[in-house]
Amino acid sequence: MLVVMQATATQADIDRVCTAITEMGFQPLPMPGAQRTTVGLVGNDRRVDGSHIEALPGVSEIIYVSSPFKQVSREWRAENTIVTIAPGVSFGGTDVPVIAGPCSVENEKQILQAAQVVRAAGAVALRGGAFKPRSSPYSFQGLGKEGLELLKLAKAETGLAIVTEAMDDDGAQLCAEYADCIQIGARNMQNYSLLKTVGKLRKPVMLKRGMAATVQELLLSAEYILAEGNDQVILCERGVRTWDPSSRNMFDLNAIPAVQKLSHLPIIADPSHGTGVRDRVPPMARAAVAAGTDGLLIEVHPDPNRALSDGAQSLFPAQFTDLMRELGPIASAIGRRIAAL
């Protein structure tokens, strides 16, 4: 339920509404807007009778949120949420930031070289996994804390913001110390304990769509994070698994406008995992910008043929440089621009 205050409502009027919501056994969430303040009622799984709140001074109207996800929905907040992960790196506005880098941090030389390459081409954030969930227990699992320290070093040398994945609660705490944004991977989209943990950390979160998840399930997972008080969430479309063996996943461009209609949270696109095939990444990245994505997540490796993970979908440095040149005119055609540091 949302309580919409009148434009002339005083702080005392807002406080009175918050007190009334608390007395009903729920949590009030005041949300100041450009024209007026709204107060959300958090914690209800049923239709609440708000007639006595509607009668309070300064109240304009009561809106009942109909979607199963509440705080994530456009009904809850009409304007876009801008998520800033570092100075000059924001998602949800006119700029379209590009996050790029290798699937995993392998060693100091590799991650520093990757950071320098993507920075020179125009990326504003570096991706790299220190903890890697792999299908096989015998595959490279990441360097752990050492990988996080190398990401910190890469940030110091290039100024790039850092995005890296957490796999469990302890890892999330550690990532929060080193990274600017904590990534929740597709396999953990419905790991509700982990979602609650990153919600409490108050650190920007990138939430990837699960391999077989619907858009509604993605938004409900985001709701777990917002319910813990963290609205700094970036959604990510990374493809869903289908029966077609021609690509790793089906890259669902349809999800971008669908999410933007349903939710105020920014959504970015990951064409690397969305296709799993290097040569398809540039055309799908271009298509995602044309579709209105709020950012891109692209895998780039100094030498993809020697990558310890996901080499087949990682761009060569020259490919990434060419792609960044191509994205600018596409963004400009729809009134946006590729972000720059």
Protein backbone atom coordinates (compact mmCIF):
# COMPACT_ATOMS: atom_id res chain seq x y z
CA MET A 1 0.00 0.00 0.00
CA LEU A 2 1.19 3.52 -0.83
CA VAL A 3 0.07 6.68 0.92
CA VAL A 4 0.39 9.65 -1.43
CA MET A 5 0.77 12.91 0.46
CA GLN A 6 -0.47 16.27 -0.76
CA ALA A 7 2.11 18.63 -2.23
CA THR A 8 1.48 20.96 0.73
CA ALA A 9 1.83 18.23 3.39
CA THR A 10 4.08 19.18 6.28
CA GLN A 11 6.68 17.00 7.96
CA ALA A 12 4.28 16.67 10.88
CA ASP A 13 1.64 15.26 8.49
CA ILE A 14 4.14 12.71 7.17
CA ASP A 15 5.22 11.75 10.70
CA ARG A 16 1.58 11.25 11.68
CA VAL A 17 1.06 8.83 8.78
CA CYS A 18 4.23 6.93 9.71
CA THR A 19 3.05 6.61 13.29
CA ALA A 20 -0.32 5.29 12.16
CA ILE A 21 1.35 2.66 9.95
CA THR A 22 3.62 1.60 12.82
CA GLU A 23 0.62 1.25 15.13
CA MET A 24 -0.94 -1.10 12.55
CA GLY A 25 2.06 -3.38 12.95
CA PHE A 26 3.82 -2.48 9.70
CA GLN A 27 6.92 -0.55 8.70
CA PRO A 28 6.54 2.91 7.11
CA LEU A 29 8.90 3.87 4.31
CA PRO A 30 8.80 7.60 3.45
CA MET A 31 9.91 8.34 -0.12
CA PRO A 32 10.34 12.06 -0.89
CA GLY A 33 9.70 12.90 -4.54
CA ALA A 34 10.21 15.91 -6.75
CA GLN A 35 6.60 17.09 -6.25
CA ARG A 36 5.34 15.23 -3.18
CA THR A 37 6.18 12.52 -0.68
CA THR A 38 4.77 9.01 -0.68
CA VAL A 39 4.86 6.66 2.28
CA GLY A 40 5.05 2.94 1.60
CA LEU A 41 3.62 0.34 3.94
CA VAL A 42 6.13 -2.53 4.14
CA GLY A 43 5.38 -6.02 5.37
CA ASN A 44 1.82 -6.66 4.24
CA ASP A 45 0.81 -9.80 2.33
CA ARG A 46 -2.85 -8.89 2.39
CA ARG A 47 -5.03 -5.91 1.50
CA VAL A 48 -4.86 -3.44 4.36
CA ASP A 49 -7.79 -1.21 5.23
CA GLY A 50 -6.27 2.25 4.92
CA SER A 51 -9.48 4.25 5.32
CA HIS A 52 -8.42 5.82 8.63
CA ILE A 53 -5.02 6.78 7.17
CA GLU A 54 -6.73 8.36 4.16
CA ALA A 55 -8.59 10.64 6.55
CA LEU A 56 -5.42 12.00 8.15
CA PRO A 57 -4.33 15.60 7.40
CA GLY A 58 -2.06 15.99 4.38
CA VAL A 59 -3.04 12.68 2.75
CA SER A 60 -4.03 12.89 -0.92
CA GLU A 61 -4.89 9.26 -1.73
CA ILE A 62 -4.22 5.61 -0.99
CA ILE A 63 -2.88 3.36 -3.75
CA TYR A 64 -3.01 -0.42 -3.38
CA VAL A 65 -0.08 -2.09 -5.12
CA SER A 66 -1.46 -4.99 -7.15
CA SER A 67 1.75 -6.69 -8.33
CA PRO A 68 3.25 -9.53 -6.23
CA PHE A 69 6.50 -7.55 -6.05
CA LYS A 70 5.86 -4.31 -4.18
CA GLN A 71 8.90 -2.07 -3.69
CA VAL A 72 10.35 -3.12 -7.05
CA SER A 73 7.25 -2.11 -9.02
CA ARG A 74 6.47 1.05 -10.98
CA GLU A 75 3.34 1.35 -8.87
CA TRP A 76 5.57 1.84 -5.84
CA ARG A 77 7.93 4.30 -7.50
CA ALA A 78 7.15 5.88 -10.85
CA GLU A 79 10.50 7.49 -11.55
CA ASN A 80 13.62 5.51 -12.42
CA THR A 81 15.96 4.55 -9.61
CA ILE A 82 19.52 5.67 -10.33
CA VAL A 83 22.08 3.24 -8.90
CA THR A 84 25.55 4.74 -8.45
CA ILE A 85 28.30 2.20 -7.76
CA ALA A 86 31.20 4.68 -7.85
CA PRO A 87 31.69 8.39 -8.65
CA GLY A 88 30.64 8.90 -12.26
CA VAL A 89 29.35 5.33 -12.70
CA SER A 90 25.54 5.32 -12.51
CA PHE A 91 22.86 3.06 -13.99
CA GLY A 92 19.30 4.08 -14.83
CA GLY A 93 19.89 7.52 -16.28
CA THR A 94 20.76 8.80 -19.75
CA ASP A 95 24.27 7.34 -19.72
CA VAL A 96 24.84 3.67 -20.59
CA PRO A 97 27.84 2.36 -18.62
CA VAL A 98 29.87 -0.59 -19.90
CA ILE A 99 31.33 -3.10 -17.43
CA ALA A 100 34.00 -5.28 -19.00
CA GLY A 101 36.73 -7.73 -18.10
CA PRO A 102 37.52 -11.43 -17.85
CA CYS A 103 35.25 -14.10 -16.44
CA SER A 104 37.73 -14.78 -13.65
CA VAL A 105 40.80 -13.23 -12.08
CA GLU A 106 43.68 -15.55 -12.97
CA ASN A 107 46.83 -13.69 -11.96
CA GLU A 108 48.16 -10.16 -11.49
CA LYS A 109 49.47 -9.72 -15.05
CA GLN A 110 46.21 -10.93 -16.62
CA ILE A 111 43.82 -8.76 -14.60
CA LEU A 112 45.97 -5.61 -14.85
CA GLN A 113 46.31 -6.05 -18.60
CA ALA A 114 42.56 -6.63 -18.93
CA ALA A 115 41.79 -3.55 -16.84
CA GLN A 116 44.08 -1.36 -18.93
CA VAL A 117 42.57 -2.67 -22.18
CA VAL A 118 38.93 -2.10 -21.23
CA ARG A 119 39.71 1.27 -19.63
CA ALA A 120 41.43 2.47 -22.80
CA ALA A 121 38.48 1.34 -24.92
CA GLY A 122 35.97 3.24 -22.78
CA ALA A 123 34.62 0.88 -20.10
CA VAL A 124 33.88 2.48 -16.73
CA ALA A 125 33.91 -0.65 -14.55
CA LEU A 126 35.91 -3.88 -14.39
CA ARG A 127 34.31 -7.29 -13.98
CA GLY A 128 36.27 -10.30 -12.75
CA GLY A 129 35.38 -13.29 -10.64
CA ALA A 130 37.33 -14.05 -7.49
CA PHE A 131 34.80 -16.75 -6.54
CA LYS A 132 33.57 -18.82 -9.48
CA PRO A 133 30.55 -21.15 -9.38
CA ARG A 134 31.34 -23.81 -11.99
CA SER A 135 29.31 -26.70 -13.31
CA SER A 136 32.22 -29.09 -12.74
CA PRO A 137 33.92 -29.34 -9.32
CA TYR A 138 37.21 -29.85 -11.16
CA SER A 139 37.08 -26.57 -13.08
CA PHE A 140 38.92 -23.43 -11.94
CA GLN A 141 37.05 -22.05 -8.93
CA GLY A 142 38.74 -18.66 -8.62
CA LEU A 143 41.50 -17.21 -6.44
CA GLY A 144 39.24 -16.14 -3.56
CA LYS A 145 40.54 -13.32 -1.41
CA GLU A 146 43.72 -13.08 -3.47
CA GLY A 147 41.55 -12.35 -6.49
CA LEU A 148 39.77 -9.57 -4.63
CA GLU A 149 43.11 -8.02 -3.70
CA LEU A 150 44.16 -8.10 -7.36
CA LEU A 151 40.90 -6.38 -8.34
CA LYS A 152 41.65 -3.71 -5.75
CA LEU A 153 45.08 -3.24 -7.32
CA ALA A 154 43.54 -2.95 -10.79
CA LYS A 155 41.16 -0.26 -9.52
CA ALA A 156 44.06 1.68 -8.01
CA GLU A 157 45.93 1.62 -11.35
CA THR A 158 43.01 2.39 -13.68
CA GLY A 159 40.26 4.09 -11.65
CA LEU A 160 37.69 1.53 -12.81
CA ALA A 161 34.86 0.58 -10.48
CA ILE A 162 34.88 -3.11 -9.47
CA VAL A 163 32.04 -5.61 -9.95
CA THR A 164 32.56 -9.14 -8.65
CA GLU A 165 30.42 -12.12 -7.68
CA ALA A 166 29.57 -13.42 -4.23
CA MET A 167 28.53 -17.05 -3.85
CA ASP A 168 27.59 -17.20 -0.17
CA ASP A 169 27.05 -15.03 2.89
CA ASP A 170 30.71 -14.99 3.96
CA GLY A 171 31.82 -14.21 0.43
CA ALA A 172 29.32 -11.34 0.25
CA GLN A 173 30.82 -9.77 3.38
CA LEU A 174 34.28 -10.07 1.85
CA CYS A 175 33.22 -8.71 -1.55
CA ALA A 176 31.63 -5.71 0.17
CA GLU A 177 35.06 -4.75 1.51
CA TYR A 178 36.76 -4.81 -1.89
CA ALA A 179 34.15 -4.24 -4.59
CA ASP A 180 31.92 -1.33 -5.60
CA CYS A 181 29.09 -3.65 -6.64
CA ILE A 182 28.31 -7.21 -5.56
CA GLN A 183 27.15 -9.51 -8.33
CA ILE A 184 24.62 -12.25 -7.60
CA GLY A 185 24.99 -14.82 -10.35
CA ALA A 186 22.28 -16.70 -12.22
CA ARG A 187 22.72 -19.81 -10.09
CA ASN A 188 22.07 -17.79 -6.92
CA MET A 189 19.15 -15.66 -8.11
CA GLN A 190 16.84 -17.58 -5.77
CA ASN A 191 19.33 -18.08 -2.94
CA TYR A 192 17.11 -16.12 -0.57
CA SER A 193 19.55 -16.23 2.35
CA LEU A 194 22.21 -14.60 0.18
CA LEU A 195 19.72 -12.04 -1.15
CA LYS A 196 18.81 -11.05 2.41
CA THR A 197 22.50 -10.75 3.29
CA VAL A 198 23.34 -8.37 0.44
CA GLY A 199 20.17 -6.45 1.25
CA LYS A 200 21.52 -5.78 4.73
CA LEU A 201 24.99 -4.82 3.48
CA ARG A 202 23.65 -1.63 1.80
CA LYS A 203 26.10 -2.12 -1.06
CA PRO A 204 25.02 -1.83 -4.73
CA VAL A 205 23.97 -5.24 -6.06
CA MET A 206 23.81 -6.61 -9.60
CA LEU A 207 21.21 -9.37 -9.71
CA LYS A 208 21.39 -11.71 -12.70
CA ARG A 209 18.36 -13.49 -14.10
CA GLY A 210 18.35 -17.22 -13.39
CA MET A 211 18.92 -19.70 -16.20
CA ALA A 212 15.24 -20.72 -16.23
CA ALA A 213 13.67 -17.75 -14.45
CA THR A 214 10.73 -15.68 -15.61
CA VAL A 215 10.82 -11.89 -15.47
CA GLN A 216 8.42 -11.99 -12.52
CA GLU A 217 10.69 -14.38 -10.63
CA LEU A 218 13.64 -12.04 -11.25
CA LEU A 219 11.66 -9.11 -9.85
CA LEU A 220 10.52 -11.12 -6.84
CA SER A 221 14.15 -11.99 -6.09
CA ALA A 222 14.99 -8.29 -6.26
CA GLU A 223 12.16 -7.68 -3.81
CA TYR A 224 14.05 -9.74 -1.21
CA ILE A 225 16.94 -7.28 -1.40
CA LEU A 226 14.74 -4.20 -1.25
CA ALA A 227 12.75 -5.67 1.64
CA GLU A 228 15.98 -5.60 3.69
CA GLY A 229 16.37 -1.87 3.03
CA ASN A 230 18.70 -1.84 0.01
CA ASP A 231 17.18 -0.26 -3.11
CA GLN A 232 20.54 -0.04 -4.93
CA VAL A 233 19.83 -2.99 -7.22
CA ILE A 234 20.77 -3.40 -10.89
CA LEU A 235 18.98 -6.19 -12.74
CA CYS A 236 20.79 -8.14 -15.46
CA GLU A 237 19.44 -10.08 -18.43
CA ARG A 238 21.93 -12.83 -19.29
CA GLY A 239 19.90 -15.27 -21.34
CA VAL A 240 17.78 -18.28 -20.43
CA ARG A 241 18.38 -21.92 -21.20
CA THR A 242 16.40 -23.49 -24.05
CA TRP A 243 16.38 -26.68 -26.10
CA ASP A 244 18.36 -25.12 -28.95
CA PRO A 245 22.05 -26.20 -28.90
CA SER A 246 23.17 -23.50 -31.36
CA SER A 247 24.05 -21.12 -28.52
CA ARG A 248 24.76 -21.32 -24.80
CA ASN A 249 21.53 -19.49 -23.92
CA MET A 250 18.71 -17.58 -25.57
CA PHE A 251 19.48 -13.89 -25.09
CA ASP A 252 16.12 -12.38 -24.19
CA LEU A 253 16.17 -8.79 -25.46
CA ASN A 254 12.43 -8.74 -24.84
CA ALA A 255 13.16 -8.68 -21.11
CA ILE A 256 14.68 -5.19 -21.26
CA PRO A 257 11.53 -3.20 -22.18
CA ALA A 258 9.41 -5.67 -20.19
CA VAL A 259 11.32 -4.99 -16.98
CA GLN A 260 11.47 -1.25 -17.61
CA LYS A 261 7.68 -1.15 -17.83
CA LEU A 262 7.18 -3.18 -14.65
CA SER A 263 9.98 -1.85 -12.46
CA HIS A 264 11.83 1.36 -11.63
CA LEU A 265 15.12 -0.55 -11.20
CA PRO A 266 17.74 -0.31 -13.97
CA ILE A 267 18.35 -3.38 -16.13
CA ILE A 268 21.57 -4.12 -17.98
CA ALA A 269 22.41 -6.77 -20.58
CA ASP A 270 25.07 -9.49 -20.61
CA PRO A 271 25.42 -10.64 -24.24
CA SER A 272 28.48 -12.72 -23.36
CA HIS A 273 26.55 -15.25 -21.27
CA GLY A 274 23.44 -14.54 -23.32
CA THR A 275 25.03 -16.14 -26.38
CA GLY A 276 28.16 -17.95 -25.20
CA VAL A 277 29.68 -17.42 -28.65
CA ARG A 278 32.29 -14.68 -29.17
CA ASP A 279 31.18 -13.60 -32.65
CA ARG A 280 27.60 -13.09 -31.50
CA VAL A 281 28.48 -10.82 -28.58
CA PRO A 282 29.01 -7.58 -30.59
CA PRO A 283 25.72 -7.77 -32.57
CA MET A 284 23.74 -8.61 -29.43
CA ALA A 285 25.46 -5.80 -27.51
CA ARG A 286 24.50 -3.37 -30.27
CA ALA A 287 20.93 -4.72 -30.24
CA ALA A 288 20.72 -4.36 -26.45
CA VAL A 289 21.69 -0.68 -26.61
CA ALA A 290 19.06 -0.14 -29.32
CA ALA A 291 16.50 -1.90 -27.10
CA GLY A 292 17.19 0.58 -24.28
CA THR A 293 19.46 -1.32 -21.91
CA ASP A 294 20.76 0.69 -18.94
CA GLY A 295 24.23 -0.82 -19.26
CA LEU A 296 26.30 -3.66 -20.68
CA LEU A 297 28.33 -6.44 -19.07
CA ILE A 298 30.87 -7.86 -21.51
CA GLU A 299 33.60 -10.44 -21.07
CA VAL A 300 37.00 -9.39 -22.42
CA HIS A 301 40.26 -11.30 -21.96
CA PRO A 302 43.80 -10.34 -23.04
CA ASP A 303 44.17 -13.81 -24.58
CA PRO A 304 40.82 -15.64 -24.71
CA ASN A 305 42.42 -18.81 -26.07
CA ARG A 306 44.25 -19.22 -22.76
CA ALA A 307 41.42 -18.15 -20.47
CA LEU A 308 40.76 -20.44 -17.51
CA SER A 309 37.01 -19.91 -17.86
CA ASP A 310 34.59 -18.77 -20.59
CA GLY A 311 37.26 -18.14 -23.21
CA ALA A 312 34.88 -19.03 -26.05
CA GLN A 313 32.62 -16.07 -25.26
CA SER A 314 35.32 -13.55 -24.30
CA LEU A 315 36.19 -10.82 -26.78
CA PHE A 316 39.73 -10.14 -27.91
CA PRO A 317 40.91 -6.61 -26.96
CA ALA A 318 40.68 -5.39 -30.57
CA GLN A 319 37.11 -6.70 -30.87
CA PHE A 320 36.08 -4.85 -27.73
CA THR A 321 37.69 -1.62 -28.91
CA ASP A 322 35.81 -1.84 -32.20
CA LEU A 323 32.54 -2.59 -30.40
CA MET A 324 32.86 0.44 -28.13
CA ARG A 325 33.25 2.66 -31.20
CA GLU A 326 30.10 1.18 -32.71
CA LEU A 327 27.92 1.61 -29.61
CA GLY A 328 28.12 5.41 -29.44
CA PRO A 329 26.04 6.22 -32.54
CA ILE A 330 23.42 3.64 -31.57
CA ALA A 331 23.00 5.15 -28.11
CA SER A 332 22.88 8.64 -29.61
CA ALA A 333 20.09 7.61 -31.98
CA ILE A 334 17.78 6.91 -29.01
CA GLY A 335 18.80 9.95 -26.98
CA ARG A 336 21.40 8.30 -24.77
CA ARG A 337 25.16 8.06 -24.66
CA ILE A 338 27.79 5.52 -23.68
CA ALA A 339 29.14 6.54 -20.27
CA ALA A 340 32.75 7.67 -19.89
CA LEU A 341 34.93 8.23 -16.85
